[in-house]
Amino acid sequence: MSTEDDDASLEARRARLADALKAVKPRTPQSALPAAPSDNTAAAMSMGLRAGGEFVTAVVLGGAIGWGLDWLLHTKPAFTIVFFLLGVAAGVFGVIRATSPKGGKSTS
């Protein structure tokens, strides 16, 4: 047997195996498959969750620090209000920082 005969027999065997796999493979309709989110949707959801988490964390942390200082110094609600507002400001700054474009050239 020559190498051409071996190549032909291997090609015939590969074709038979491919046909057998096609016959065994279950066919699922396209509508039954769940739609995968696009990369843009996933990136937007990630950014939104990150920005929301940063905002909530800053507000809660600011309020907790203020409440703790008020509890220690018996000055309710002075520090709670001040640090809550500082937490809101820090949260807004964090959201702006998280959602602003990165690495781009400035237009000015």
N, C-alpha and C. Protein backbone atom coordinates (compact mmCIF):
# COMPACT_ATOMS: atom_id res chain seq x y z
N MET A 1 0.84 -1.18 0.00
CA MET A 1 0.00 0.00 0.00
C MET A 1 0.88 1.24 0.00
N SER A 2 0.45 2.21 -0.73
CA SER A 2 1.22 3.44 -0.81
C SER A 2 0.62 4.48 0.14
N THR A 3 1.33 5.58 0.28
CA THR A 3 0.83 6.64 1.16
C THR A 3 -0.42 7.28 0.59
N GLU A 4 -0.60 7.25 -0.72
CA GLU A 4 -1.83 7.79 -1.31
C GLU A 4 -3.02 6.95 -0.92
N ASP A 5 -2.85 5.60 -0.90
CA ASP A 5 -3.93 4.72 -0.46
C ASP A 5 -4.26 4.95 1.01
N ASP A 6 -3.21 5.15 1.83
CA ASP A 6 -3.42 5.43 3.25
C ASP A 6 -4.16 6.75 3.44
N ASP A 7 -3.78 7.76 2.68
CA ASP A 7 -4.46 9.06 2.78
C ASP A 7 -5.92 8.94 2.37
N ALA A 8 -6.18 8.20 1.30
CA ALA A 8 -7.55 8.04 0.82
C ALA A 8 -8.39 7.28 1.84
N SER A 9 -7.82 6.23 2.44
CA SER A 9 -8.59 5.47 3.44
C SER A 9 -8.82 6.30 4.70
N LEU A 10 -7.85 7.10 5.10
CA LEU A 10 -8.04 7.98 6.25
C LEU A 10 -9.11 9.03 5.97
N GLU A 11 -9.11 9.58 4.77
CA GLU A 11 -10.12 10.58 4.41
C GLU A 11 -11.50 9.96 4.39
N ALA A 12 -11.62 8.74 3.87
CA ALA A 12 -12.91 8.05 3.85
C ALA A 12 -13.38 7.77 5.28
N ARG A 13 -12.46 7.34 6.14
CA ARG A 13 -12.82 7.08 7.54
C ARG A 13 -13.25 8.37 8.24
N ARG A 14 -12.54 9.49 7.99
CA ARG A 14 -12.91 10.77 8.57
C ARG A 14 -14.30 11.19 8.14
N ALA A 15 -14.62 11.00 6.87
CA ALA A 15 -15.94 11.36 6.35
C ALA A 15 -17.03 10.52 7.00
N ARG A 16 -16.77 9.21 7.19
CA ARG A 16 -17.76 8.34 7.84
C ARG A 16 -17.98 8.77 9.29
N LEU A 17 -16.89 9.11 10.00
CA LEU A 17 -17.02 9.56 11.38
C LEU A 17 -17.77 10.89 11.48
N ALA A 18 -17.50 11.80 10.55
CA ALA A 18 -18.22 13.08 10.55
C ALA A 18 -19.70 12.87 10.32
N ASP A 19 -20.06 11.97 9.40
CA ASP A 19 -21.48 11.68 9.16
C ASP A 19 -22.12 11.05 10.39
N ALA A 20 -21.39 10.14 11.05
CA ALA A 20 -21.93 9.50 12.25
C ALA A 20 -22.13 10.53 13.36
N LEU A 21 -21.22 11.47 13.51
CA LEU A 21 -21.38 12.50 14.53
C LEU A 21 -22.57 13.41 14.22
N LYS A 22 -22.76 13.74 12.96
CA LYS A 22 -23.91 14.57 12.59
C LYS A 22 -25.22 13.85 12.90
N ALA A 23 -25.25 12.54 12.70
CA ALA A 23 -26.47 11.78 12.97
C ALA A 23 -26.75 11.68 14.46
N VAL A 24 -25.71 11.60 15.29
CA VAL A 24 -25.89 11.44 16.73
C VAL A 24 -26.14 12.77 17.42
N LYS A 25 -25.56 13.83 16.91
CA LYS A 25 -25.65 15.15 17.55
C LYS A 25 -27.10 15.63 17.58
N PRO A 26 -27.62 15.98 18.76
CA PRO A 26 -29.01 16.46 18.83
C PRO A 26 -29.14 17.84 18.19
N ARG A 27 -30.21 18.01 17.52
CA ARG A 27 -30.46 19.30 16.87
C ARG A 27 -31.39 20.11 17.77
N THR A 28 -30.94 21.29 18.17
CA THR A 28 -31.75 22.17 19.00
C THR A 28 -32.16 23.37 18.17
N PRO A 29 -33.42 23.74 18.23
CA PRO A 29 -33.84 24.92 17.49
C PRO A 29 -33.18 26.17 18.06
N GLN A 30 -32.91 27.12 17.23
CA GLN A 30 -32.25 28.35 17.66
C GLN A 30 -33.09 29.11 18.67
N SER A 31 -34.40 29.04 18.58
CA SER A 31 -35.25 29.79 19.51
C SER A 31 -35.20 29.21 20.92
N ALA A 32 -34.80 27.94 21.07
CA ALA A 32 -34.75 27.33 22.39
C ALA A 32 -33.52 27.77 23.17
N LEU A 33 -32.50 28.25 22.49
CA LEU A 33 -31.29 28.69 23.16
C LEU A 33 -31.49 30.06 23.77
N PRO A 34 -31.02 30.28 25.01
CA PRO A 34 -31.15 31.61 25.60
C PRO A 34 -30.25 32.60 24.87
N ALA A 35 -30.74 33.82 24.77
CA ALA A 35 -29.97 34.85 24.09
C ALA A 35 -28.84 35.30 25.00
N ALA A 36 -27.63 35.26 24.48
CA ALA A 36 -26.47 35.70 25.26
C ALA A 36 -26.40 37.22 25.21
N PRO A 37 -26.09 37.85 26.34
CA PRO A 37 -25.97 39.31 26.31
C PRO A 37 -24.76 39.73 25.48
N SER A 38 -24.93 40.84 24.81
CA SER A 38 -23.82 41.34 24.00
C SER A 38 -22.74 41.90 24.93
N ASP A 39 -21.56 42.10 24.39
CA ASP A 39 -20.46 42.63 25.19
C ASP A 39 -20.80 44.02 25.73
N ASN A 40 -21.51 44.82 24.94
CA ASN A 40 -21.86 46.17 25.39
C ASN A 40 -22.83 46.12 26.56
N THR A 41 -23.79 45.20 26.51
CA THR A 41 -24.75 45.08 27.60
C THR A 41 -24.06 44.64 28.88
N ALA A 42 -23.18 43.66 28.76
CA ALA A 42 -22.47 43.18 29.94
C ALA A 42 -21.57 44.27 30.53
N ALA A 43 -20.90 45.02 29.67
CA ALA A 43 -20.03 46.09 30.15
C ALA A 43 -20.84 47.18 30.83
N ALA A 44 -22.00 47.50 30.27
CA ALA A 44 -22.85 48.54 30.86
C ALA A 44 -23.40 48.08 32.21
N MET A 45 -23.79 46.82 32.30
CA MET A 45 -24.29 46.31 33.58
C MET A 45 -23.18 46.29 34.62
N SER A 46 -21.99 45.92 34.21
CA SER A 46 -20.86 45.91 35.14
C SER A 46 -20.56 47.31 35.65
N MET A 47 -20.55 48.27 34.75
CA MET A 47 -20.27 49.65 35.16
C MET A 47 -21.37 50.17 36.07
N GLY A 48 -22.61 49.87 35.77
CA GLY A 48 -23.72 50.33 36.60
C GLY A 48 -23.68 49.74 38.00
N LEU A 49 -23.39 48.45 38.10
CA LEU A 49 -23.30 47.83 39.42
C LEU A 49 -22.12 48.37 40.21
N ARG A 50 -21.01 48.61 39.52
CA ARG A 50 -19.83 49.15 40.21
C ARG A 50 -20.12 50.56 40.72
N ALA A 51 -20.72 51.40 39.87
CA ALA A 51 -21.02 52.77 40.28
C ALA A 51 -22.02 52.80 41.42
N GLY A 52 -23.05 51.97 41.33
CA GLY A 52 -24.05 51.92 42.40
C GLY A 52 -23.45 51.43 43.71
N GLY A 53 -22.60 50.42 43.61
CA GLY A 53 -21.95 49.90 44.81
C GLY A 53 -21.04 50.92 45.46
N GLU A 54 -20.29 51.65 44.64
CA GLU A 54 -19.41 52.69 45.19
C GLU A 54 -20.22 53.79 45.87
N PHE A 55 -21.34 54.18 45.27
CA PHE A 55 -22.16 55.25 45.86
C PHE A 55 -22.75 54.81 47.20
N VAL A 56 -23.36 53.63 47.21
CA VAL A 56 -23.99 53.15 48.44
C VAL A 56 -22.95 52.95 49.54
N THR A 57 -21.80 52.41 49.17
CA THR A 57 -20.74 52.19 50.16
C THR A 57 -20.26 53.50 50.77
N ALA A 58 -20.07 54.50 49.93
CA ALA A 58 -19.60 55.80 50.44
C ALA A 58 -20.62 56.43 51.37
N VAL A 59 -21.90 56.37 51.02
CA VAL A 59 -22.94 56.98 51.85
C VAL A 59 -23.06 56.24 53.18
N VAL A 60 -23.08 54.91 53.13
CA VAL A 60 -23.22 54.13 54.36
C VAL A 60 -21.99 54.31 55.26
N LEU A 61 -20.82 54.29 54.66
CA LEU A 61 -19.60 54.47 55.45
C LEU A 61 -19.54 55.86 56.08
N GLY A 62 -19.90 56.88 55.32
CA GLY A 62 -19.93 58.23 55.88
C GLY A 62 -20.92 58.36 57.02
N GLY A 63 -22.11 57.81 56.84
CA GLY A 63 -23.11 57.85 57.90
C GLY A 63 -22.67 57.08 59.13
N ALA A 64 -22.01 55.93 58.92
CA ALA A 64 -21.56 55.12 60.05
C ALA A 64 -20.44 55.83 60.83
N ILE A 65 -19.53 56.46 60.12
CA ILE A 65 -18.47 57.21 60.81
C ILE A 65 -19.07 58.36 61.61
N GLY A 66 -20.00 59.09 61.02
CA GLY A 66 -20.66 60.19 61.73
C GLY A 66 -21.43 59.71 62.94
N TRP A 67 -22.16 58.61 62.78
CA TRP A 67 -22.92 58.07 63.91
C TRP A 67 -21.98 57.62 65.01
N GLY A 68 -20.86 56.99 64.63
CA GLY A 68 -19.89 56.54 65.63
C GLY A 68 -19.29 57.71 66.39
N LEU A 69 -18.94 58.77 65.68
CA LEU A 69 -18.39 59.95 66.37
C LEU A 69 -19.44 60.58 67.29
N ASP A 70 -20.70 60.67 66.82
CA ASP A 70 -21.76 61.21 67.66
C ASP A 70 -21.97 60.35 68.91
N TRP A 71 -21.88 59.05 68.75
CA TRP A 71 -22.07 58.15 69.90
C TRP A 71 -20.94 58.32 70.91
N LEU A 72 -19.70 58.45 70.38
CA LEU A 72 -18.56 58.63 71.29
C LEU A 72 -18.57 59.99 71.99
N LEU A 73 -18.92 61.05 71.25
CA LEU A 73 -18.83 62.41 71.78
C LEU A 73 -20.16 62.95 72.30
N HIS A 74 -21.23 62.18 72.19
CA HIS A 74 -22.56 62.58 72.66
C HIS A 74 -22.99 63.90 72.03
N THR A 75 -22.84 64.02 70.72
CA THR A 75 -23.18 65.26 70.02
C THR A 75 -24.25 65.02 68.95
N LYS A 76 -25.15 64.09 69.16
CA LYS A 76 -26.12 63.73 68.13
C LYS A 76 -26.90 64.94 67.68
N PRO A 77 -27.20 65.12 66.45
CA PRO A 77 -26.84 64.41 65.23
C PRO A 77 -25.80 65.16 64.40
N ALA A 78 -25.00 65.97 65.00
CA ALA A 78 -24.11 66.87 64.25
C ALA A 78 -23.17 66.11 63.31
N PHE A 79 -22.38 65.18 63.84
CA PHE A 79 -21.42 64.47 63.00
C PHE A 79 -22.11 63.52 62.01
N THR A 80 -23.26 62.97 62.40
CA THR A 80 -23.99 62.08 61.49
C THR A 80 -24.38 62.83 60.23
N ILE A 81 -24.90 64.04 60.38
CA ILE A 81 -25.32 64.83 59.22
C ILE A 81 -24.12 65.23 58.38
N VAL A 82 -23.06 65.71 59.04
CA VAL A 82 -21.87 66.17 58.31
C VAL A 82 -21.24 65.02 57.53
N PHE A 83 -21.02 63.88 58.18
CA PHE A 83 -20.35 62.77 57.50
C PHE A 83 -21.27 62.09 56.49
N PHE A 84 -22.58 62.14 56.72
CA PHE A 84 -23.50 61.62 55.70
C PHE A 84 -23.37 62.45 54.43
N LEU A 85 -23.35 63.77 54.58
CA LEU A 85 -23.21 64.63 53.40
C LEU A 85 -21.84 64.45 52.74
N LEU A 86 -20.79 64.26 53.54
CA LEU A 86 -19.48 63.95 52.97
C LEU A 86 -19.50 62.62 52.22
N GLY A 87 -20.23 61.64 52.75
CA GLY A 87 -20.37 60.36 52.08
C GLY A 87 -21.10 60.49 50.76
N VAL A 88 -22.14 61.32 50.72
CA VAL A 88 -22.86 61.55 49.46
C VAL A 88 -21.93 62.20 48.45
N ALA A 89 -21.16 63.20 48.88
CA ALA A 89 -20.22 63.86 47.97
C ALA A 89 -19.16 62.88 47.47
N ALA A 90 -18.64 62.06 48.36
CA ALA A 90 -17.65 61.07 47.95
C ALA A 90 -18.27 60.05 47.01
N GLY A 91 -19.52 59.67 47.24
CA GLY A 91 -20.21 58.73 46.36
C GLY A 91 -20.42 59.29 44.97
N VAL A 92 -20.82 60.55 44.89
CA VAL A 92 -21.01 61.20 43.58
C VAL A 92 -19.67 61.29 42.85
N PHE A 93 -18.63 61.67 43.57
CA PHE A 93 -17.30 61.74 42.95
C PHE A 93 -16.85 60.36 42.46
N GLY A 94 -17.12 59.33 43.25
CA GLY A 94 -16.77 57.97 42.84
C GLY A 94 -17.52 57.51 41.61
N VAL A 95 -18.81 57.85 41.51
CA VAL A 95 -19.60 57.50 40.34
C VAL A 95 -19.07 58.22 39.10
N ILE A 96 -18.76 59.50 39.25
CA ILE A 96 -18.20 60.25 38.12
C ILE A 96 -16.87 59.65 37.68
N ARG A 97 -16.03 59.30 38.65
CA ARG A 97 -14.73 58.72 38.33
C ARG A 97 -14.89 57.35 37.66
N ALA A 98 -15.86 56.55 38.14
CA ALA A 98 -16.04 55.20 37.60
C ALA A 98 -16.63 55.22 36.19
N THR A 99 -17.45 56.21 35.89
CA THR A 99 -18.15 56.22 34.61
C THR A 99 -17.50 57.12 33.57
N SER A 100 -16.47 57.86 33.94
CA SER A 100 -15.84 58.74 32.96
C SER A 100 -14.96 57.92 32.02
N PRO A 101 -14.83 58.37 30.75
CA PRO A 101 -13.98 57.65 29.80
C PRO A 101 -12.52 57.69 30.24
N LYS A 102 -11.81 56.62 29.93
CA LYS A 102 -10.42 56.53 30.34
C LYS A 102 -9.49 56.54 29.16
N GLY A 103 -8.36 57.21 29.30
CA GLY A 103 -7.30 57.14 28.29
C GLY A 103 -7.57 57.89 27.01
N GLY A 104 -8.61 58.68 26.94
CA GLY A 104 -8.89 59.40 25.72
C GLY A 104 -8.18 60.74 25.68
N LYS A 105 -8.04 61.27 24.48
CA LYS A 105 -7.44 62.60 24.34
C LYS A 105 -8.47 63.64 24.75
N SER A 106 -8.01 64.69 25.37
CA SER A 106 -8.93 65.75 25.76
C SER A 106 -9.26 66.60 24.54
N THR A 107 -10.47 67.16 24.54
CA THR A 107 -10.93 67.95 23.38
C THR A 107 -10.52 69.40 23.46
N SER A 108 -9.92 69.82 24.57
CA SER A 108 -9.53 71.23 24.68
C SER A 108 -8.14 71.48 24.18
